[in-house]
Amino acid sequence: MPGFCKIEKGKLLLRARVTPNAARDAVEGSETRDDGQQVLRVRVRAVPDKGRANTAVTRLLARTTGIAPSAIRLTSGATARIKTFCLDISAEQHPAVLARLAEIA
């Protein structure tokens, strides 16, 4: 399992470092922060205004993992660069999603 993911109470949690206002939308892989925390680096073209960047990240994560955008919700960090997303998927889907994320990392 990638270091930026964890399973808690049957839900898959993903930590991401988001850069809004980027030149392109991209999931760039994992990064280890100075504090040792591992995050998934994500860049989106959307501006950080009224949740537009958060929505763009949700859509990008959905395309990357192959799950519906409605199954991804922001659980913490709405106004911060480091965000936690909860992927509301069944336990049977965890291996496939984790495999896709591991390819990126």
PDB file of N, CA and C in Angstrom:
ATOM      1  N   MET A   1       0.853  -1.172   0.000  1.00  0.00           N
ATOM      2  CA  MET A   1       0.000   0.000   0.000  1.00  0.00           C
ATOM      3  C   MET A   1       0.900   1.237   0.000  1.00  0.00           C
ATOM      4  N   PRO A   2       0.593   2.207  -0.875  1.00  0.00           N
ATOM      5  CA  PRO A   2       1.380   3.445  -0.885  1.00  0.00           C
ATOM      6  C   PRO A   2       1.304   4.159   0.469  1.00  0.00           C
ATOM      7  N   GLY A   3       2.367   4.860   0.830  1.00  0.00           N
ATOM      8  CA  GLY A   3       2.434   5.534   2.120  1.00  0.00           C
ATOM      9  C   GLY A   3       1.440   6.664   2.293  1.00  0.00           C
ATOM     10  N   PHE A   4       0.889   7.194   1.199  1.00  0.00           N
ATOM     11  CA  PHE A   4      -0.070   8.287   1.298  1.00  0.00           C
ATOM     12  C   PHE A   4      -1.501   7.775   1.462  1.00  0.00           C
ATOM     13  N   CYS A   5      -1.668   6.459   1.543  1.00  0.00           N
ATOM     14  CA  CYS A   5      -2.984   5.843   1.727  1.00  0.00           C
ATOM     15  C   CYS A   5      -3.038   5.093   3.046  1.00  0.00           C
ATOM     16  N   LYS A   6      -4.234   5.005   3.611  1.00  0.00           N
ATOM     17  CA  LYS A   6      -4.456   4.119   4.750  1.00  0.00           C
ATOM     18  C   LYS A   6      -5.919   3.722   4.756  1.00  0.00           C
ATOM     19  N   ILE A   7      -6.180   2.579   5.347  1.00  0.00           N
ATOM     20  CA  ILE A   7      -7.557   2.097   5.462  1.00  0.00           C
ATOM     21  C   ILE A   7      -7.980   2.299   6.907  1.00  0.00           C
ATOM     22  N   GLU A   8      -9.079   2.993   7.090  1.00  0.00           N
ATOM     23  CA  GLU A   8      -9.590   3.293   8.425  1.00  0.00           C
ATOM     24  C   GLU A   8     -11.098   3.071   8.426  1.00  0.00           C
ATOM     25  N   LYS A   9     -11.549   2.200   9.293  1.00  0.00           N
ATOM     26  CA  LYS A   9     -12.979   1.871   9.401  1.00  0.00           C
ATOM     27  C   LYS A   9     -13.564   1.450   8.062  1.00  0.00           C
ATOM     28  N   GLY A  10     -12.789   0.690   7.304  1.00  0.00           N
ATOM     29  CA  GLY A  10     -13.263   0.181   6.021  1.00  0.00           C
ATOM     30  C   GLY A  10     -13.203   1.170   4.877  1.00  0.00           C
ATOM     31  N   LYS A  11     -12.793   2.404   5.146  1.00  0.00           N
ATOM     32  CA  LYS A  11     -12.708   3.432   4.105  1.00  0.00           C
ATOM     33  C   LYS A  11     -11.243   3.660   3.740  1.00  0.00           C
ATOM     34  N   LEU A  12     -11.000   3.958   2.495  1.00  0.00           N
ATOM     35  CA  LEU A  12      -9.658   4.240   2.018  1.00  0.00           C
ATOM     36  C   LEU A  12      -9.424   5.741   2.098  1.00  0.00           C
ATOM     37  N   LEU A  13      -8.425   6.152   2.880  1.00  0.00           N
ATOM     38  CA  LEU A  13      -8.085   7.564   3.028  1.00  0.00           C
ATOM     39  C   LEU A  13      -6.819   7.850   2.245  1.00  0.00           C
ATOM     40  N   LEU A  14      -6.802   8.993   1.584  1.00  0.00           N
ATOM     41  CA  LEU A  14      -5.685   9.379   0.735  1.00  0.00           C
ATOM     42  C   LEU A  14      -5.260  10.793   1.101  1.00  0.00           C
ATOM     43  N   ARG A  15      -3.962  10.992   1.391  1.00  0.00           N
ATOM     44  CA  ARG A  15      -3.417  12.316   1.695  1.00  0.00           C
ATOM     45  C   ARG A  15      -2.781  12.880   0.438  1.00  0.00           C
ATOM     46  N   ALA A  16      -3.124  14.116   0.104  1.00  0.00           N
ATOM     47  CA  ALA A  16      -2.604  14.736  -1.112  1.00  0.00           C
ATOM     48  C   ALA A  16      -2.096  16.140  -0.821  1.00  0.00           C
ATOM     49  N   ARG A  17      -1.029  16.508  -1.521  1.00  0.00           N
ATOM     50  CA  ARG A  17      -0.544  17.884  -1.498  1.00  0.00           C
ATOM     51  C   ARG A  17      -0.981  18.494  -2.819  1.00  0.00           C
ATOM     52  N   VAL A  18      -1.846  19.502  -2.735  1.00  0.00           N
ATOM     53  CA  VAL A  18      -2.477  20.067  -3.921  1.00  0.00           C
ATOM     54  C   VAL A  18      -1.846  21.405  -4.287  1.00  0.00           C
ATOM     55  N   THR A  19      -1.521  21.551  -5.564  1.00  0.00           N
ATOM     56  CA  THR A  19      -1.047  22.819  -6.097  1.00  0.00           C
ATOM     57  C   THR A  19      -2.088  23.326  -7.082  1.00  0.00           C
ATOM     58  N   PRO A  20      -2.850  24.362  -6.697  1.00  0.00           N
ATOM     59  CA  PRO A  20      -3.845  24.935  -7.615  1.00  0.00           C
ATOM     60  C   PRO A  20      -3.171  25.908  -8.585  1.00  0.00           C
ATOM     61  N   ASN A  21      -3.916  26.350  -9.567  1.00  0.00           N
ATOM     62  CA  ASN A  21      -3.424  27.343 -10.525  1.00  0.00           C
ATOM     63  C   ASN A  21      -2.215  26.833 -11.306  1.00  0.00           C
ATOM     64  N   ALA A  22      -2.139  25.555 -11.538  1.00  0.00           N
ATOM     65  CA  ALA A  22      -1.006  24.949 -12.247  1.00  0.00           C
ATOM     66  C   ALA A  22      -1.226  25.053 -13.755  1.00  0.00           C
ATOM     67  N   ALA A  23      -0.197  24.741 -14.502  1.00  0.00           N
ATOM     68  CA  ALA A  23      -0.285  24.794 -15.959  1.00  0.00           C
ATOM     69  C   ALA A  23      -1.120  23.651 -16.524  1.00  0.00           C
ATOM     70  N   ARG A  24      -1.206  22.541 -15.764  1.00  0.00           N
ATOM     71  CA  ARG A  24      -1.962  21.375 -16.248  1.00  0.00           C
ATOM     72  C   ARG A  24      -2.482  20.582 -15.062  1.00  0.00           C
ATOM     73  N   ASP A  25      -3.461  19.738 -15.331  1.00  0.00           N
ATOM     74  CA  ASP A  25      -3.969  18.826 -14.317  1.00  0.00           C
ATOM     75  C   ASP A  25      -3.113  17.567 -14.358  1.00  0.00           C
ATOM     76  N   ALA A  26      -2.563  17.169 -13.200  1.00  0.00           N
ATOM     77  CA  ALA A  26      -1.709  15.988 -13.189  1.00  0.00           C
ATOM     78  C   ALA A  26      -1.583  15.427 -11.785  1.00  0.00           C
ATOM     79  N   VAL A  27      -1.504  14.108 -11.719  1.00  0.00           N
ATOM     80  CA  VAL A  27      -1.141  13.412 -10.489  1.00  0.00           C
ATOM     81  C   VAL A  27       0.311  13.016 -10.696  1.00  0.00           C
ATOM     82  N   GLU A  28       1.200  13.567  -9.878  1.00  0.00           N
ATOM     83  CA  GLU A  28       2.638  13.444 -10.140  1.00  0.00           C
ATOM     84  C   GLU A  28       3.353  12.386  -9.327  1.00  0.00           C
ATOM     85  N   GLY A  29       2.679  11.671  -8.487  1.00  0.00           N
ATOM     86  CA  GLY A  29       3.325  10.638  -7.706  1.00  0.00           C
ATOM     87  C   GLY A  29       3.474  11.026  -6.247  1.00  0.00           C
ATOM     88  N   SER A  30       4.183  10.202  -5.514  1.00  0.00           N
ATOM     89  CA  SER A  30       4.299  10.438  -4.078  1.00  0.00           C
ATOM     90  C   SER A  30       5.498  11.322  -3.754  1.00  0.00           C
ATOM     91  N   GLU A  31       5.407  11.948  -2.597  1.00  0.00           N
ATOM     92  CA  GLU A  31       6.462  12.827  -2.105  1.00  0.00           C
ATOM     93  C   GLU A  31       6.551  12.626  -0.598  1.00  0.00           C
ATOM     94  N   THR A  32       7.766  12.557  -0.082  1.00  0.00           N
ATOM     95  CA  THR A  32       7.957  12.493   1.357  1.00  0.00           C
ATOM     96  C   THR A  32       8.293  13.895   1.846  1.00  0.00           C
ATOM     97  N   ARG A  33       7.467  14.404   2.739  1.00  0.00           N
ATOM     98  CA  ARG A  33       7.639  15.756   3.277  1.00  0.00           C
ATOM     99  C   ARG A  33       8.767  15.770   4.301  1.00  0.00           C
ATOM    100  N   ASP A  34       9.191  16.957   4.715  1.00  0.00           N
ATOM    101  CA  ASP A  34      10.261  17.103   5.701  1.00  0.00           C
ATOM    102  C   ASP A  34       9.926  16.432   7.024  1.00  0.00           C
ATOM    103  N   ASP A  35       8.642  16.378   7.357  1.00  0.00           N
ATOM    104  CA  ASP A  35       8.227  15.762   8.624  1.00  0.00           C
ATOM    105  C   ASP A  35       8.066  14.247   8.498  1.00  0.00           C
ATOM    106  N   GLY A  36       8.400  13.688   7.333  1.00  0.00           N
ATOM    107  CA  GLY A  36       8.315  12.247   7.118  1.00  0.00           C
ATOM    108  C   GLY A  36       6.980  11.779   6.584  1.00  0.00           C
ATOM    109  N   GLN A  37       6.024  12.662   6.504  1.00  0.00           N
ATOM    110  CA  GLN A  37       4.686  12.320   6.012  1.00  0.00           C
ATOM    111  C   GLN A  37       4.750  12.131   4.492  1.00  0.00           C
ATOM    112  N   GLN A  38       4.135  11.080   4.012  1.00  0.00           N
ATOM    113  CA  GLN A  38       4.078  10.834   2.575  1.00  0.00           C
ATOM    114  C   GLN A  38       2.750  11.338   2.033  1.00  0.00           C
ATOM    115  N   VAL A  39       2.798  12.036   0.900  1.00  0.00           N
ATOM    116  CA  VAL A  39       1.603  12.596   0.276  1.00  0.00           C
ATOM    117  C   VAL A  39       1.635  12.316  -1.221  1.00  0.00           C
ATOM    118  N   LEU A  40       0.481  12.386  -1.841  1.00  0.00           N
ATOM    119  CA  LEU A  40       0.357  12.272  -3.287  1.00  0.00           C
ATOM    120  C   LEU A  40       0.363  13.690  -3.850  1.00  0.00           C
ATOM    121  N   ARG A  41       1.276  13.983  -4.762  1.00  0.00           N
ATOM    122  CA  ARG A  41       1.349  15.322  -5.353  1.00  0.00           C
ATOM    123  C   ARG A  41       0.335  15.435  -6.479  1.00  0.00           C
ATOM    124  N   VAL A  42      -0.515  16.462  -6.374  1.00  0.00           N
ATOM    125  CA  VAL A  42      -1.567  16.686  -7.364  1.00  0.00           C
ATOM    126  C   VAL A  42      -1.530  18.147  -7.787  1.00  0.00           C
ATOM    127  N   ARG A  43      -1.601  18.382  -9.082  1.00  0.00           N
ATOM    128  CA  ARG A  43      -1.665  19.745  -9.623  1.00  0.00           C
ATOM    129  C   ARG A  43      -2.963  19.885 -10.415  1.00  0.00           C
ATOM    130  N   VAL A  44      -3.627  21.025 -10.237  1.00  0.00           N
ATOM    131  CA  VAL A  44      -4.850  21.297 -10.994  1.00  0.00           C
ATOM    132  C   VAL A  44      -4.808  22.727 -11.528  1.00  0.00           C
ATOM    133  N   ARG A  45      -5.442  22.925 -12.671  1.00  0.00           N
ATOM    134  CA  ARG A  45      -5.500  24.255 -13.280  1.00  0.00           C
ATOM    135  C   ARG A  45      -6.481  25.170 -12.569  1.00  0.00           C
ATOM    136  N   ALA A  46      -7.426  24.607 -11.872  1.00  0.00           N
ATOM    137  CA  ALA A  46      -8.465  25.396 -11.219  1.00  0.00           C
ATOM    138  C   ALA A  46      -7.881  26.322 -10.157  1.00  0.00           C
ATOM    139  N   VAL A  47      -8.552  27.448  -9.967  1.00  0.00           N
ATOM    140  CA  VAL A  47      -8.128  28.409  -8.952  1.00  0.00           C
ATOM    141  C   VAL A  47      -8.711  28.012  -7.597  1.00  0.00           C
ATOM    142  N   PRO A  48      -8.027  28.362  -6.520  1.00  0.00           N
ATOM    143  CA  PRO A  48      -8.537  28.012  -5.187  1.00  0.00           C
ATOM    144  C   PRO A  48      -9.592  29.007  -4.714  1.00  0.00           C
ATOM    145  N   ASP A  49     -10.696  29.066  -5.431  1.00  0.00           N
ATOM    146  CA  ASP A  49     -11.756  30.005  -5.115  1.00  0.00           C
ATOM    147  C   ASP A  49     -13.082  29.257  -5.041  1.00  0.00           C
ATOM    148  N   LYS A  50     -13.752  29.375  -3.915  1.00  0.00           N
ATOM    149  CA  LYS A  50     -15.073  28.767  -3.723  1.00  0.00           C
ATOM    150  C   LYS A  50     -15.077  27.260  -3.972  1.00  0.00           C
ATOM    151  N   GLY A  51     -13.976  26.582  -3.635  1.00  0.00           N
ATOM    152  CA  GLY A  51     -13.910  25.130  -3.742  1.00  0.00           C
ATOM    153  C   GLY A  51     -13.650  24.588  -5.133  1.00  0.00           C
ATOM    154  N   ARG A  52     -13.338  25.463  -6.086  1.00  0.00           N
ATOM    155  CA  ARG A  52     -13.119  24.996  -7.465  1.00  0.00           C
ATOM    156  C   ARG A  52     -11.930  24.042  -7.560  1.00  0.00           C
ATOM    157  N   ALA A  53     -10.835  24.359  -6.875  1.00  0.00           N
ATOM    158  CA  ALA A  53      -9.661  23.492  -6.928  1.00  0.00           C
ATOM    159  C   ALA A  53      -9.958  22.145  -6.278  1.00  0.00           C
ATOM    160  N   ASN A  54     -10.679  22.151  -5.167  1.00  0.00           N
ATOM    161  CA  ASN A  54     -11.035  20.894  -4.502  1.00  0.00           C
ATOM    162  C   ASN A  54     -11.901  20.020  -5.404  1.00  0.00           C
ATOM    163  N   THR A  55     -12.829  20.631  -6.104  1.00  0.00           N
ATOM    164  CA  THR A  55     -13.671  19.889  -7.040  1.00  0.00           C
ATOM    165  C   THR A  55     -12.839  19.319  -8.180  1.00  0.00           C
ATOM    166  N   ALA A  56     -11.892  20.108  -8.671  1.00  0.00           N
ATOM    167  CA  ALA A  56     -11.027  19.632  -9.752  1.00  0.00           C
ATOM    168  C   ALA A  56     -10.163  18.461  -9.288  1.00  0.00           C
ATOM    169  N   VAL A  57      -9.674  18.515  -8.053  1.00  0.00           N
ATOM    170  CA  VAL A  57      -8.882  17.407  -7.522  1.00  0.00           C
ATOM    171  C   VAL A  57      -9.745  16.153  -7.412  1.00  0.00           C
ATOM    172  N   THR A  58     -10.964  16.306  -6.935  1.00  0.00           N
ATOM    173  CA  THR A  58     -11.876  15.167  -6.819  1.00  0.00           C
ATOM    174  C   THR A  58     -12.099  14.508  -8.180  1.00  0.00           C
ATOM    175  N   ARG A  59     -12.333  15.306  -9.198  1.00  0.00           N
ATOM    176  CA  ARG A  59     -12.537  14.764 -10.551  1.00  0.00           C
ATOM    177  C   ARG A  59     -11.282  14.079 -11.080  1.00  0.00           C
ATOM    178  N   LEU A  60     -10.131  14.683 -10.827  1.00  0.00           N
ATOM    179  CA  LEU A  60      -8.869  14.100 -11.283  1.00  0.00           C
ATOM    180  C   LEU A  60      -8.586  12.780 -10.576  1.00  0.00           C
ATOM    181  N   LEU A  61      -8.827  12.728  -9.280  1.00  0.00           N
ATOM    182  CA  LEU A  61      -8.644  11.479  -8.543  1.00  0.00           C
ATOM    183  C   LEU A  61      -9.602  10.401  -9.042  1.00  0.00           C
ATOM    184  N   ALA A  62     -10.823  10.800  -9.385  1.00  0.00           N
ATOM    185  CA  ALA A  62     -11.798   9.840  -9.910  1.00  0.00           C
ATOM    186  C   ALA A  62     -11.316   9.256 -11.236  1.00  0.00           C
ATOM    187  N   ARG A  63     -10.811  10.106 -12.131  1.00  0.00           N
ATOM    188  CA  ARG A  63     -10.289   9.609 -13.416  1.00  0.00           C
ATOM    189  C   ARG A  63      -9.081   8.707 -13.192  1.00  0.00           C
ATOM    190  N   THR A  64      -8.231   9.075 -12.261  1.00  0.00           N
ATOM    191  CA  THR A  64      -7.007   8.319 -12.007  1.00  0.00           C
ATOM    192  C   THR A  64      -7.291   6.947 -11.408  1.00  0.00           C
ATOM    193  N   THR A  65      -8.241   6.886 -10.470  1.00  0.00           N
ATOM    194  CA  THR A  65      -8.524   5.631  -9.776  1.00  0.00           C
ATOM    195  C   THR A  65      -9.595   4.795 -10.453  1.00  0.00           C
ATOM    196  N   GLY A  66     -10.368   5.395 -11.341  1.00  0.00           N
ATOM    197  CA  GLY A  66     -11.419   4.659 -12.032  1.00  0.00           C
ATOM    198  C   GLY A  66     -12.690   4.495 -11.212  1.00  0.00           C
ATOM    199  N   ILE A  67     -12.885   5.363 -10.223  1.00  0.00           N
ATOM    200  CA  ILE A  67     -14.121   5.306  -9.445  1.00  0.00           C
ATOM    201  C   ILE A  67     -14.929   6.573  -9.695  1.00  0.00           C
ATOM    202  N   ALA A  68     -16.160   6.571  -9.292  1.00  0.00           N
ATOM    203  CA  ALA A  68     -17.047   7.708  -9.525  1.00  0.00           C
ATOM    204  C   ALA A  68     -16.657   8.904  -8.656  1.00  0.00           C
ATOM    205  N   PRO A  69     -16.761  10.115  -9.195  1.00  0.00           N
ATOM    206  CA  PRO A  69     -16.455  11.303  -8.391  1.00  0.00           C
ATOM    207  C   PRO A  69     -17.325  11.402  -7.135  1.00  0.00           C
ATOM    208  N   SER A  70     -18.526  10.878  -7.200  1.00  0.00           N
ATOM    209  CA  SER A  70     -19.416  10.929  -6.036  1.00  0.00           C
ATOM    210  C   SER A  70     -18.930  10.035  -4.902  1.00  0.00           C
ATOM    211  N   ALA A  71     -18.003   9.124  -5.190  1.00  0.00           N
ATOM    212  CA  ALA A  71     -17.462   8.235  -4.162  1.00  0.00           C
ATOM    213  C   ALA A  71     -16.229   8.822  -3.475  1.00  0.00           C
ATOM    214  N   ILE A  72     -15.836  10.030  -3.883  1.00  0.00           N
ATOM    215  CA  ILE A  72     -14.668  10.685  -3.289  1.00  0.00           C
ATOM    216  C   ILE A  72     -15.138  11.958  -2.605  1.00  0.00           C
ATOM    217  N   ARG A  73     -14.742  12.094  -1.328  1.00  0.00           N
ATOM    218  CA  ARG A  73     -15.112  13.323  -0.626  1.00  0.00           C
ATOM    219  C   ARG A  73     -13.925  13.845   0.164  1.00  0.00           C
ATOM    220  N   LEU A  74     -13.853  15.155   0.242  1.00  0.00           N
ATOM    221  CA  LEU A  74     -12.807  15.825   0.991  1.00  0.00           C
ATOM    222  C   LEU A  74     -13.171  15.767   2.469  1.00  0.00           C
ATOM    223  N   THR A  75     -12.274  15.209   3.294  1.00  0.00           N
ATOM    224  CA  THR A  75     -12.590  15.086   4.719  1.00  0.00           C
ATOM    225  C   THR A  75     -11.842  16.095   5.583  1.00  0.00           C
ATOM    226  N   SER A  76     -10.688  16.558   5.116  1.00  0.00           N
ATOM    227  CA  SER A  76      -9.983  17.604   5.874  1.00  0.00           C
ATOM    228  C   SER A  76      -9.059  18.373   4.957  1.00  0.00           C
ATOM    229  N   GLY A  77      -8.784  19.620   5.328  1.00  0.00           N
ATOM    230  CA  GLY A  77      -7.867  20.458   4.574  1.00  0.00           C
ATOM    231  C   GLY A  77      -8.502  21.236   3.450  1.00  0.00           C
ATOM    232  N   ALA A  78      -9.746  21.639   3.602  1.00  0.00           N
ATOM    233  CA  ALA A  78     -10.453  22.341   2.524  1.00  0.00           C
ATOM    234  C   ALA A  78      -9.713  23.588   2.054  1.00  0.00           C
ATOM    235  N   THR A  79      -9.048  24.302   2.962  1.00  0.00           N
ATOM    236  CA  THR A  79      -8.328  25.510   2.573  1.00  0.00           C
ATOM    237  C   THR A  79      -6.813  25.344   2.680  1.00  0.00           C
ATOM    238  N   ALA A  80      -6.348  24.140   2.964  1.00  0.00           N
ATOM    239  CA  ALA A  80      -4.916  23.890   3.113  1.00  0.00           C
ATOM    240  C   ALA A  80      -4.371  23.184   1.875  1.00  0.00           C
ATOM    241  N   ARG A  81      -3.059  23.167   1.741  1.00  0.00           N
ATOM    242  CA  ARG A  81      -2.437  22.452   0.621  1.00  0.00           C
ATOM    243  C   ARG A  81      -2.470  20.942   0.839  1.00  0.00           C
ATOM    244  N   ILE A  82      -2.311  20.514   2.091  1.00  0.00           N
ATOM    245  CA  ILE A  82      -2.374  19.091   2.415  1.00  0.00           C
ATOM    246  C   ILE A  82      -3.828  18.751   2.721  1.00  0.00           C
ATOM    247  N   LYS A  83      -4.389  17.839   1.948  1.00  0.00           N
ATOM    248  CA  LYS A  83      -5.800  17.486   2.073  1.00  0.00           C
ATOM    249  C   LYS A  83      -5.934  15.981   2.267  1.00  0.00           C
ATOM    250  N   THR A  84      -7.005  15.591   2.918  1.00  0.00           N
ATOM    251  CA  THR A  84      -7.320  14.168   3.060  1.00  0.00           C
ATOM    252  C   THR A  84      -8.639  13.911   2.357  1.00  0.00           C
ATOM    253  N   PHE A  85      -8.618  12.911   1.491  1.00  0.00           N
ATOM    254  CA  PHE A  85      -9.811  12.503   0.762  1.00  0.00           C
ATOM    255  C   PHE A  85     -10.211  11.108   1.210  1.00  0.00           C
ATOM    256  N   CYS A  86     -11.506  10.871   1.326  1.00  0.00           N
ATOM    257  CA  CYS A  86     -12.039   9.562   1.666  1.00  0.00           C
ATOM    258  C   CYS A  86     -12.645   8.973   0.397  1.00  0.00           C
ATOM    259  N   LEU A  87     -12.202   7.779   0.060  1.00  0.00           N
ATOM    260  CA  LEU A  87     -12.750   7.075  -1.094  1.00  0.00           C
ATOM    261  C   LEU A  87     -13.754   6.059  -0.571  1.00  0.00           C
ATOM    262  N   ASP A  88     -15.024   6.344  -0.765  1.00  0.00           N
ATOM    263  CA  ASP A  88     -16.106   5.479  -0.280  1.00  0.00           C
ATOM    264  C   ASP A  88     -16.330   4.336  -1.269  1.00  0.00           C
ATOM    265  N   ILE A  89     -15.504   3.313  -1.135  1.00  0.00           N
ATOM    266  CA  ILE A  89     -15.597   2.161  -2.025  1.00  0.00           C
ATOM    267  C   ILE A  89     -15.658   0.898  -1.176  1.00  0.00           C
ATOM    268  N   SER A  90     -16.101  -0.161  -1.775  1.00  0.00           N
ATOM    269  CA  SER A  90     -16.209  -1.423  -1.044  1.00  0.00           C
ATOM    270  C   SER A  90     -14.829  -2.026  -0.826  1.00  0.00           C
ATOM    271  N   ALA A  91     -14.744  -2.927   0.141  1.00  0.00           N
ATOM    272  CA  ALA A  91     -13.471  -3.589   0.450  1.00  0.00           C
ATOM    273  C   ALA A  91     -12.958  -4.386  -0.753  1.00  0.00           C
ATOM    274  N   GLU A  92     -13.868  -4.867  -1.587  1.00  0.00           N
ATOM    275  CA  GLU A  92     -13.464  -5.618  -2.766  1.00  0.00           C
ATOM    276  C   GLU A  92     -12.774  -4.724  -3.796  1.00  0.00           C
ATOM    277  N   GLN A  93     -13.089  -3.436  -3.791  1.00  0.00           N
ATOM    278  CA  GLN A  93     -12.491  -2.495  -4.735  1.00  0.00           C
ATOM    279  C   GLN A  93     -11.132  -1.988  -4.269  1.00  0.00           C
ATOM    280  N   HIS A  94     -10.821  -2.121  -2.982  1.00  0.00           N
ATOM    281  CA  HIS A  94      -9.564  -1.595  -2.439  1.00  0.00           C
ATOM    282  C   HIS A  94      -8.336  -2.074  -3.209  1.00  0.00           C
ATOM    283  N   PRO A  95      -8.174  -3.383  -3.475  1.00  0.00           N
ATOM    284  CA  PRO A  95      -6.949  -3.823  -4.165  1.00  0.00           C
ATOM    285  C   PRO A  95      -6.766  -3.186  -5.548  1.00  0.00           C
ATOM    286  N   ALA A  96      -7.831  -3.062  -6.307  1.00  0.00           N
ATOM    287  CA  ALA A  96      -7.728  -2.487  -7.651  1.00  0.00           C
ATOM    288  C   ALA A  96      -7.350  -1.009  -7.588  1.00  0.00           C
ATOM    289  N   VAL A  97      -7.976  -0.273  -6.684  1.00  0.00           N
ATOM    290  CA  VAL A  97      -7.676   1.153  -6.548  1.00  0.00           C
ATOM    291  C   VAL A  97      -6.258   1.346  -6.022  1.00  0.00           C
ATOM    292  N   LEU A  98      -5.863   0.549  -5.038  1.00  0.00           N
ATOM    293  CA  LEU A  98      -4.508   0.648  -4.498  1.00  0.00           C
ATOM    294  C   LEU A  98      -3.466   0.312  -5.560  1.00  0.00           C
ATOM    295  N   ALA A  99      -3.779  -0.640  -6.437  1.00  0.00           N
ATOM    296  CA  ALA A  99      -2.846  -0.988  -7.508  1.00  0.00           C
ATOM    297  C   ALA A  99      -2.671   0.181  -8.472  1.00  0.00           C
ATOM    298  N   ARG A 100      -3.759   0.882  -8.800  1.00  0.00           N
ATOM    299  CA  ARG A 100      -3.668   2.042  -9.685  1.00  0.00           C
ATOM    300  C   ARG A 100      -2.847   3.153  -9.041  1.00  0.00           C
ATOM    301  N   LEU A 101      -3.064   3.356  -7.751  1.00  0.00           N
ATOM    302  CA  LEU A 101      -2.316   4.392  -7.030  1.00  0.00           C
ATOM    303  C   LEU A 101      -0.838   4.012  -6.895  1.00  0.00           C
ATOM    304  N   ALA A 102      -0.560   2.741  -6.718  1.00  0.00           N
ATOM    305  CA  ALA A 102       0.834   2.286  -6.600  1.00  0.00           C
ATOM    306  C   ALA A 102       1.577   2.495  -7.916  1.00  0.00           C
ATOM    307  N   GLU A 103       0.888   2.388  -9.047  1.00  0.00           N
ATOM    308  CA  GLU A 103       1.516   2.641 -10.352  1.00  0.00           C
ATOM    309  C   GLU A 103       1.983   4.082 -10.454  1.00  0.00           C
ATOM    310  N   ILE A 104       1.224   4.991  -9.878  1.00  0.00           N
ATOM    311  CA  ILE A 104       1.561   6.409  -9.914  1.00  0.00           C
ATOM    312  C   ILE A 104       2.747   6.715  -9.014  1.00  0.00           C
ATOM    313  N   ALA A 105       2.702   6.094  -7.827  1.00  0.00           N
ATOM    314  CA  ALA A 105       3.741   6.366  -6.818  1.00  0.00           C
ATOM    315  C   ALA A 105       5.042   5.851  -7.330  1.00  0.00           C
TER     316      ALA A 105
END
